[in-house]
Protein backbone atom coordinates (compact mmCIF):
# COMPACT_ATOMS: atom_id res chain seq x y z
CA MET A 1 0.00 0.00 0.00
CA ASN A 2 1.13 3.50 -0.75
CA ALA A 3 2.02 5.56 2.34
CA LEU A 4 0.63 8.73 0.76
CA LEU A 5 -2.73 7.04 0.21
CA LEU A 6 -2.83 5.79 3.79
CA ALA A 7 -2.09 9.28 5.08
CA LEU A 8 -4.92 10.55 2.90
CA VAL A 9 -7.26 7.83 4.19
CA PHE A 10 -6.77 9.07 7.75
CA SER A 11 -6.44 12.84 7.22
CA ALA A 12 -9.40 13.37 4.87
CA PRO A 13 -12.11 12.10 7.25
CA LEU A 14 -10.61 14.11 10.12
CA ALA A 15 -10.81 17.25 8.02
CA GLY A 16 -14.29 16.24 6.85
CA PHE A 17 -15.62 15.73 10.36
CA CYS A 18 -14.04 19.01 11.46
CA ALA A 19 -15.82 20.81 8.62
CA LEU A 20 -19.11 19.10 9.40
CA SER A 21 -18.84 19.98 13.07
CA LEU A 22 -18.08 23.63 12.31
CA ALA A 23 -21.26 23.71 10.21
CA MET A 24 -23.27 23.10 13.40
CA ASP A 25 -24.31 26.08 15.54
CA ARG A 26 -23.31 24.53 18.85
CA HIS A 27 -19.78 23.61 17.81
CA CYS A 28 -19.32 26.91 16.00
CA GLU A 29 -20.15 28.70 19.26
CA ASP A 30 -17.72 26.46 21.15
CA VAL A 31 -14.91 27.30 18.75
CA PHE A 32 -15.55 30.97 17.91
CA GLY A 33 -17.47 32.18 20.96
CA ARG A 34 -21.04 32.73 22.00
CA GLY A 35 -23.35 34.07 19.32
CA SER A 36 -21.21 32.83 16.43
CA THR A 37 -22.95 30.87 13.71
CA PRO A 38 -21.59 29.52 10.43
CA GLY A 39 -24.05 31.69 8.50
CA ALA A 40 -23.49 31.59 4.77
CA TRP A 41 -20.58 29.18 5.22
CA ARG A 42 -22.84 26.39 6.52
CA ARG A 43 -23.59 24.82 3.11
CA TRP A 44 -19.96 25.09 1.99
CA LEU A 45 -18.75 23.42 5.18
CA GLN A 46 -21.29 20.65 4.76
CA LEU A 47 -20.38 20.13 1.12
CA GLY A 48 -16.65 20.19 1.85
CA GLY A 49 -17.03 17.76 4.74
CA ALA A 50 -19.02 15.31 2.64
CA ALA A 51 -16.54 15.62 -0.24
CA LEU A 52 -13.63 14.89 2.09
CA LEU A 53 -15.39 11.80 3.44
CA CYS A 54 -15.97 10.60 -0.14
CA LEU A 55 -12.33 11.33 -0.94
CA SER A 56 -11.31 9.16 1.98
CA LEU A 57 -13.50 6.34 0.72
CA GLY A 58 -11.92 6.51 -2.72
CA ALA A 59 -8.42 6.54 -1.25
CA SER A 60 -9.10 3.55 0.99
CA LEU A 61 -10.57 1.54 -1.88
CA GLN A 62 -7.56 2.46 -4.02
CA ALA A 63 -5.10 1.59 -1.24
CA ALA A 64 -6.53 -1.71 -0.02
CA GLY A 65 -8.88 -2.96 -2.71
CA GLY A 66 -12.60 -3.60 -2.68
CA ALA A 67 -12.82 -6.07 0.19
CA ILE A 68 -10.47 -4.58 2.78
CA GLY A 69 -10.89 -0.97 1.65
CA TRP A 70 -14.35 -0.69 3.19
CA VAL A 71 -13.07 -1.98 6.52
CA LEU A 72 -10.10 0.41 6.36
CA TRP A 73 -12.48 3.29 5.63
CA LEU A 74 -14.78 2.46 8.55
CA GLY A 75 -11.76 2.28 10.85
CA ALA A 76 -10.54 5.64 9.57
CA LEU A 77 -14.00 7.15 10.14
CA THR A 78 -14.02 5.84 13.69
CA ALA A 79 -10.55 7.21 14.44
CA ALA A 80 -11.40 10.58 12.86
CA ALA A 81 -14.68 10.88 14.76
CA LEU A 82 -12.97 10.14 18.08
CA SER A 83 -10.22 12.62 17.26
CA THR A 84 -12.75 15.30 16.37
CA VAL A 85 -14.61 14.79 19.65
CA GLY A 86 -11.33 14.91 21.55
CA LEU A 87 -10.23 18.11 19.83
CA LEU A 88 -13.57 19.80 20.43
CA SER A 89 -13.44 18.82 24.10
CA ALA A 90 -9.79 19.56 24.83
CA VAL A 91 -8.87 22.59 22.72
CA PRO A 92 -11.96 24.23 21.21
CA ASN A 93 -10.17 27.57 20.74
CA ARG A 94 -7.52 25.93 18.50
CA PHE A 95 -9.91 23.59 16.73
CA HIS A 96 -10.24 25.66 13.55
CA TRP A 97 -6.44 25.86 13.20
CA VAL A 98 -6.07 22.10 13.47
CA ALA A 99 -8.94 21.63 11.02
CA SER A 100 -7.32 24.02 8.52
CA VAL A 101 -3.95 22.27 8.70
CA VAL A 102 -5.48 18.83 8.28
CA ALA A 103 -7.65 19.99 5.38
CA ALA A 104 -4.62 21.53 3.66
CA PHE A 105 -2.69 18.29 4.19
CA ALA A 106 -5.55 16.20 2.78
CA LEU A 107 -6.01 18.37 -0.30
CA GLY A 108 -2.27 18.73 -0.84
CA GLY A 109 -1.83 14.98 -0.49
CA THR A 110 -4.55 14.41 -3.04
CA LEU A 111 -2.91 16.73 -5.54
CA LEU A 112 0.49 15.15 -4.93
CA TYR A 113 -0.91 11.65 -5.38
CA LEU A 114 -2.63 12.63 -8.63
CA LEU A 115 0.55 14.27 -9.87
CA LEU A 116 2.66 11.22 -9.04
CA ALA A 117 0.07 8.90 -10.62
CA ALA A 118 0.12 10.98 -13.80
CA LEU A 119 3.91 10.86 -14.01
CA THR A 120 4.14 7.08 -13.71
């Protein structure tokens, strides 16, 4: 299995769950302060979170095949969900920074993988 794909399998759902949680009023208030709502960003956060979860599914199926890829994806979803809950509980004021870094890593990893696949 490709190490870049495995990193993508685990970083994309974390970024996706972070985006989905920031689309919720309660978590947005926890992160940005009382009275904060996602507003016009809500739909974009929901769409981006769903796209990152789908990206993770594609990467896990590519990395481990059809039979094991689904199991790998479900494990990655579980780990990402637990990490998201832990981040929201432990450091809500730094949550958006962690989410931004992980999202950049996931999207950068995707572009790098596509570039390397095109060159070979």
